[in-house]
Amino acid sequence: MKEITLTVYGADVICASCVNAPSSKDTYEWLEAAIARKFDGHKIQFRYVDIEKTSERDVDAEYIEQIQNDELFYPLVTIEDEVIGEGYIQLKPVYAALEQHGYVTAE
């Protein structure tokens, strides 16, 4: 099975419209742990992109610009460069996106 990439875009400061939500880094770590349990043995590359820094990847730069222009909220989660969730992240849409890529649960 092809390895896919899940990316979390975020910053150290919690999004102003995401009051009481976990930080971007906490969201990244939580997703990594939850997905590893649910899809054990699958090859998923996890990336964290700090929106306060510049990125070499054009796709990252585009998402960072959209976040900075308030077109998207952070943390922003993408799978294979497709937006899966933004702001307050929930597992169900992330799991559904992984399943669409052919991943099956470890249960």
N, C-alpha and C. Protein backbone atom coordinates (compact mmCIF):
# COMPACT_ATOMS: atom_id res chain seq x y z
N MET A 1 0.84 -1.18 0.00
CA MET A 1 0.00 0.00 0.00
C MET A 1 0.88 1.23 0.00
N LYS A 2 0.47 2.21 -0.76
CA LYS A 2 1.21 3.45 -0.89
C LYS A 2 1.20 4.24 0.42
N GLU A 3 2.35 4.78 0.79
CA GLU A 3 2.43 5.64 1.97
C GLU A 3 1.78 6.97 1.64
N ILE A 4 0.94 7.46 2.55
CA ILE A 4 0.34 8.77 2.35
C ILE A 4 0.86 9.73 3.41
N THR A 5 0.65 11.01 3.17
CA THR A 5 1.13 12.04 4.07
C THR A 5 -0.03 12.80 4.68
N LEU A 6 -0.03 12.87 6.00
CA LEU A 6 -0.98 13.69 6.73
C LEU A 6 -0.21 14.87 7.29
N THR A 7 -0.68 16.07 6.99
CA THR A 7 0.02 17.28 7.42
C THR A 7 -0.89 18.10 8.32
N VAL A 8 -0.31 18.60 9.40
CA VAL A 8 -1.02 19.53 10.27
C VAL A 8 -0.29 20.87 10.17
N TYR A 9 -1.03 21.91 9.77
CA TYR A 9 -0.50 23.27 9.72
C TYR A 9 -0.96 23.98 10.97
N GLY A 10 -0.05 24.64 11.65
CA GLY A 10 -0.46 25.33 12.86
C GLY A 10 0.60 26.29 13.37
N ALA A 11 0.32 26.82 14.57
CA ALA A 11 1.21 27.78 15.20
C ALA A 11 1.19 27.54 16.71
N ASP A 12 2.16 28.13 17.40
CA ASP A 12 2.22 28.00 18.85
C ASP A 12 1.04 28.68 19.52
N VAL A 13 0.57 29.77 18.92
CA VAL A 13 -0.56 30.51 19.46
C VAL A 13 -1.85 29.84 19.01
N ILE A 14 -2.79 29.64 19.93
CA ILE A 14 -4.05 29.00 19.58
C ILE A 14 -4.88 29.95 18.73
N CYS A 15 -5.50 29.42 17.70
CA CYS A 15 -6.35 30.18 16.78
C CYS A 15 -7.39 30.96 17.58
N ALA A 16 -7.57 32.24 17.26
CA ALA A 16 -8.49 33.11 18.00
C ALA A 16 -9.92 32.60 17.96
N SER A 17 -10.33 31.98 16.89
CA SER A 17 -11.70 31.48 16.80
C SER A 17 -11.82 30.04 17.29
N CYS A 18 -10.74 29.50 17.84
CA CYS A 18 -10.75 28.12 18.31
C CYS A 18 -10.57 28.07 19.83
N VAL A 19 -11.29 28.93 20.54
CA VAL A 19 -11.21 29.01 21.99
C VAL A 19 -11.53 27.65 22.59
N ASN A 20 -10.76 27.26 23.59
CA ASN A 20 -10.90 25.99 24.31
C ASN A 20 -10.51 24.78 23.47
N ALA A 21 -10.02 24.97 22.28
CA ALA A 21 -9.54 23.85 21.45
C ALA A 21 -8.08 23.59 21.80
N PRO A 22 -7.60 22.37 21.55
CA PRO A 22 -6.18 22.09 21.81
C PRO A 22 -5.29 22.87 20.86
N SER A 23 -4.04 23.03 21.24
CA SER A 23 -3.09 23.72 20.37
C SER A 23 -2.83 22.90 19.11
N SER A 24 -2.22 23.51 18.15
CA SER A 24 -1.89 22.82 16.89
C SER A 24 -0.96 21.64 17.14
N LYS A 25 0.04 21.84 17.99
CA LYS A 25 0.99 20.76 18.30
C LYS A 25 0.28 19.62 19.02
N ASP A 26 -0.62 19.97 19.96
CA ASP A 26 -1.38 18.94 20.67
C ASP A 26 -2.26 18.17 19.70
N THR A 27 -2.86 18.88 18.75
CA THR A 27 -3.70 18.23 17.75
C THR A 27 -2.87 17.27 16.91
N TYR A 28 -1.69 17.70 16.50
CA TYR A 28 -0.78 16.87 15.71
C TYR A 28 -0.44 15.58 16.47
N GLU A 29 -0.04 15.72 17.74
CA GLU A 29 0.34 14.56 18.54
C GLU A 29 -0.85 13.63 18.79
N TRP A 30 -2.01 14.22 19.03
CA TRP A 30 -3.23 13.44 19.27
C TRP A 30 -3.61 12.65 18.02
N LEU A 31 -3.57 13.30 16.86
CA LEU A 31 -3.89 12.61 15.61
C LEU A 31 -2.92 11.48 15.33
N GLU A 32 -1.64 11.74 15.54
CA GLU A 32 -0.62 10.72 15.29
C GLU A 32 -0.88 9.48 16.16
N ALA A 33 -1.19 9.69 17.43
CA ALA A 33 -1.43 8.57 18.35
C ALA A 33 -2.74 7.85 18.01
N ALA A 34 -3.80 8.60 17.76
CA ALA A 34 -5.11 7.99 17.47
C ALA A 34 -5.08 7.20 16.17
N ILE A 35 -4.45 7.75 15.16
CA ILE A 35 -4.38 7.07 13.86
C ILE A 35 -3.50 5.83 13.95
N ALA A 36 -2.41 5.91 14.69
CA ALA A 36 -1.53 4.75 14.86
C ALA A 36 -2.27 3.59 15.52
N ARG A 37 -3.16 3.90 16.47
CA ARG A 37 -3.94 2.85 17.13
C ARG A 37 -4.99 2.27 16.18
N LYS A 38 -5.67 3.12 15.45
CA LYS A 38 -6.79 2.69 14.61
C LYS A 38 -6.29 2.00 13.33
N PHE A 39 -5.21 2.49 12.76
CA PHE A 39 -4.70 1.96 11.49
C PHE A 39 -3.30 1.39 11.69
N ASP A 40 -3.14 0.56 12.69
CA ASP A 40 -1.86 -0.04 13.05
C ASP A 40 -1.25 -0.77 11.85
N GLY A 41 0.02 -0.51 11.61
CA GLY A 41 0.73 -1.21 10.55
C GLY A 41 0.69 -0.51 9.20
N HIS A 42 -0.08 0.55 9.08
CA HIS A 42 -0.14 1.27 7.82
C HIS A 42 0.95 2.33 7.76
N LYS A 43 1.37 2.63 6.56
CA LYS A 43 2.43 3.61 6.37
C LYS A 43 1.81 4.99 6.15
N ILE A 44 1.88 5.80 7.19
CA ILE A 44 1.39 7.17 7.12
C ILE A 44 2.51 8.07 7.61
N GLN A 45 2.87 9.02 6.78
CA GLN A 45 3.89 9.99 7.19
C GLN A 45 3.16 11.19 7.79
N PHE A 46 3.55 11.57 9.00
CA PHE A 46 2.96 12.72 9.68
C PHE A 46 3.93 13.89 9.58
N ARG A 47 3.37 15.05 9.22
CA ARG A 47 4.19 16.27 9.12
C ARG A 47 3.51 17.38 9.92
N TYR A 48 4.32 18.21 10.55
CA TYR A 48 3.82 19.41 11.20
C TYR A 48 4.48 20.59 10.53
N VAL A 49 3.69 21.55 10.08
CA VAL A 49 4.21 22.74 9.41
C VAL A 49 3.83 23.96 10.25
N ASP A 50 4.85 24.68 10.71
CA ASP A 50 4.63 25.90 11.49
C ASP A 50 4.32 27.03 10.53
N ILE A 51 3.14 27.62 10.67
CA ILE A 51 2.72 28.67 9.73
C ILE A 51 3.44 29.99 9.97
N GLU A 52 4.22 30.06 11.04
CA GLU A 52 5.00 31.26 11.32
C GLU A 52 6.34 31.24 10.58
N LYS A 53 6.64 30.10 9.94
CA LYS A 53 7.91 29.96 9.21
C LYS A 53 7.62 29.77 7.73
N THR A 54 8.61 30.04 6.90
CA THR A 54 8.44 29.83 5.47
C THR A 54 8.66 28.37 5.14
N SER A 55 8.09 27.95 4.03
CA SER A 55 8.22 26.56 3.62
C SER A 55 8.74 26.49 2.20
N GLU A 56 9.50 25.46 1.93
CA GLU A 56 10.05 25.23 0.59
C GLU A 56 8.98 24.68 -0.36
N ARG A 57 8.00 23.99 0.19
CA ARG A 57 6.96 23.38 -0.65
C ARG A 57 5.92 24.42 -1.06
N ASP A 58 5.61 24.47 -2.34
CA ASP A 58 4.61 25.42 -2.85
C ASP A 58 3.24 25.19 -2.21
N VAL A 59 2.86 23.93 -2.05
CA VAL A 59 1.55 23.62 -1.47
C VAL A 59 1.49 24.15 -0.04
N ASP A 60 2.56 23.96 0.73
CA ASP A 60 2.59 24.48 2.10
C ASP A 60 2.46 26.00 2.09
N ALA A 61 3.20 26.65 1.21
CA ALA A 61 3.16 28.12 1.15
C ALA A 61 1.75 28.61 0.81
N GLU A 62 1.05 27.89 -0.06
CA GLU A 62 -0.32 28.28 -0.41
C GLU A 62 -1.26 28.16 0.79
N TYR A 63 -1.17 27.05 1.51
CA TYR A 63 -2.02 26.87 2.70
C TYR A 63 -1.67 27.90 3.77
N ILE A 64 -0.39 28.15 3.98
CA ILE A 64 0.04 29.14 4.97
C ILE A 64 -0.53 30.52 4.61
N GLU A 65 -0.46 30.88 3.34
CA GLU A 65 -1.00 32.16 2.91
C GLU A 65 -2.51 32.24 3.15
N GLN A 66 -3.23 31.17 2.85
CA GLN A 66 -4.68 31.15 3.07
C GLN A 66 -5.01 31.27 4.55
N ILE A 67 -4.22 30.63 5.40
CA ILE A 67 -4.44 30.74 6.85
C ILE A 67 -4.17 32.17 7.31
N GLN A 68 -3.08 32.74 6.85
CA GLN A 68 -2.72 34.10 7.26
C GLN A 68 -3.71 35.14 6.73
N ASN A 69 -4.39 34.82 5.64
CA ASN A 69 -5.41 35.72 5.08
C ASN A 69 -6.80 35.42 5.63
N ASP A 70 -6.86 34.58 6.66
CA ASP A 70 -8.12 34.19 7.31
C ASP A 70 -9.10 33.50 6.38
N GLU A 71 -8.60 32.86 5.34
CA GLU A 71 -9.44 32.07 4.44
C GLU A 71 -9.63 30.66 5.00
N LEU A 72 -8.66 30.20 5.79
CA LEU A 72 -8.71 28.90 6.45
C LEU A 72 -8.29 29.09 7.91
N PHE A 73 -8.80 28.23 8.79
CA PHE A 73 -8.42 28.27 10.19
C PHE A 73 -7.34 27.22 10.46
N TYR A 74 -6.59 27.42 11.51
CA TYR A 74 -5.63 26.41 11.93
C TYR A 74 -6.00 25.92 13.32
N PRO A 75 -5.63 24.71 13.70
CA PRO A 75 -4.85 23.78 12.90
C PRO A 75 -5.64 23.33 11.67
N LEU A 76 -4.92 23.21 10.58
CA LEU A 76 -5.46 22.73 9.31
C LEU A 76 -4.87 21.36 9.05
N VAL A 77 -5.72 20.39 8.75
CA VAL A 77 -5.26 19.03 8.51
C VAL A 77 -5.50 18.68 7.05
N THR A 78 -4.45 18.20 6.39
CA THR A 78 -4.58 17.73 5.02
C THR A 78 -4.07 16.30 4.93
N ILE A 79 -4.64 15.56 4.00
CA ILE A 79 -4.14 14.24 3.64
C ILE A 79 -3.89 14.27 2.15
N GLU A 80 -2.65 14.02 1.78
CA GLU A 80 -2.24 14.10 0.37
C GLU A 80 -2.64 15.45 -0.22
N ASP A 81 -2.39 16.52 0.55
CA ASP A 81 -2.62 17.91 0.14
C ASP A 81 -4.10 18.25 -0.09
N GLU A 82 -5.01 17.45 0.46
CA GLU A 82 -6.44 17.74 0.40
C GLU A 82 -6.92 18.08 1.81
N VAL A 83 -7.61 19.21 1.95
CA VAL A 83 -8.07 19.65 3.27
C VAL A 83 -9.09 18.67 3.82
N ILE A 84 -8.84 18.21 5.04
CA ILE A 84 -9.72 17.27 5.73
C ILE A 84 -10.46 17.97 6.86
N GLY A 85 -9.81 18.91 7.52
CA GLY A 85 -10.44 19.64 8.60
C GLY A 85 -9.65 20.88 8.95
N GLU A 86 -10.34 21.83 9.59
CA GLU A 86 -9.66 23.05 10.02
C GLU A 86 -10.30 23.55 11.31
N GLY A 87 -9.49 24.22 12.11
CA GLY A 87 -9.99 24.74 13.38
C GLY A 87 -10.10 23.65 14.41
N TYR A 88 -11.30 23.29 14.77
CA TYR A 88 -11.53 22.24 15.75
C TYR A 88 -11.59 20.91 15.00
N ILE A 89 -10.56 20.08 15.13
CA ILE A 89 -10.41 18.85 14.35
C ILE A 89 -11.13 17.70 15.06
N GLN A 90 -11.84 16.91 14.27
CA GLN A 90 -12.51 15.73 14.79
C GLN A 90 -11.98 14.50 14.05
N LEU A 91 -11.99 13.36 14.74
CA LEU A 91 -11.40 12.14 14.18
C LEU A 91 -12.22 11.54 13.04
N LYS A 92 -13.54 11.59 13.12
CA LYS A 92 -14.38 10.90 12.15
C LYS A 92 -14.06 11.28 10.69
N PRO A 93 -13.96 12.58 10.34
CA PRO A 93 -13.62 12.90 8.95
C PRO A 93 -12.20 12.49 8.56
N VAL A 94 -11.28 12.50 9.53
CA VAL A 94 -9.90 12.08 9.25
C VAL A 94 -9.88 10.58 8.96
N TYR A 95 -10.56 9.81 9.80
CA TYR A 95 -10.65 8.37 9.56
C TYR A 95 -11.31 8.07 8.23
N ALA A 96 -12.38 8.78 7.91
CA ALA A 96 -13.09 8.56 6.64
C ALA A 96 -12.17 8.84 5.45
N ALA A 97 -11.37 9.89 5.54
CA ALA A 97 -10.44 10.22 4.45
C ALA A 97 -9.39 9.13 4.29
N LEU A 98 -8.89 8.61 5.41
CA LEU A 98 -7.91 7.53 5.34
C LEU A 98 -8.52 6.28 4.71
N GLU A 99 -9.75 5.99 5.07
CA GLU A 99 -10.44 4.82 4.50
C GLU A 99 -10.66 5.00 2.99
N GLN A 100 -10.90 6.24 2.55
CA GLN A 100 -11.05 6.50 1.11
C GLN A 100 -9.75 6.24 0.37
N HIS A 101 -8.62 6.34 1.07
CA HIS A 101 -7.32 6.05 0.48
C HIS A 101 -6.97 4.57 0.58
N GLY A 102 -7.94 3.76 1.03
CA GLY A 102 -7.73 2.32 1.08
C GLY A 102 -7.22 1.77 2.39
N TYR A 103 -7.11 2.60 3.40
CA TYR A 103 -6.64 2.14 4.70
C TYR A 103 -7.79 1.44 5.43
N VAL A 104 -7.48 0.34 6.08
CA VAL A 104 -8.48 -0.40 6.85
C VAL A 104 -8.06 -0.41 8.32
N THR A 105 -9.05 -0.44 9.19
CA THR A 105 -8.75 -0.38 10.62
C THR A 105 -8.08 -1.66 11.09
N ALA A 106 -7.36 -1.51 12.18
CA ALA A 106 -6.60 -2.62 12.74
C ALA A 106 -7.48 -3.53 13.58
N GLU A 107 -8.73 -3.15 13.81
CA GLU A 107 -9.63 -3.92 14.67
C GLU A 107 -9.99 -5.25 14.08
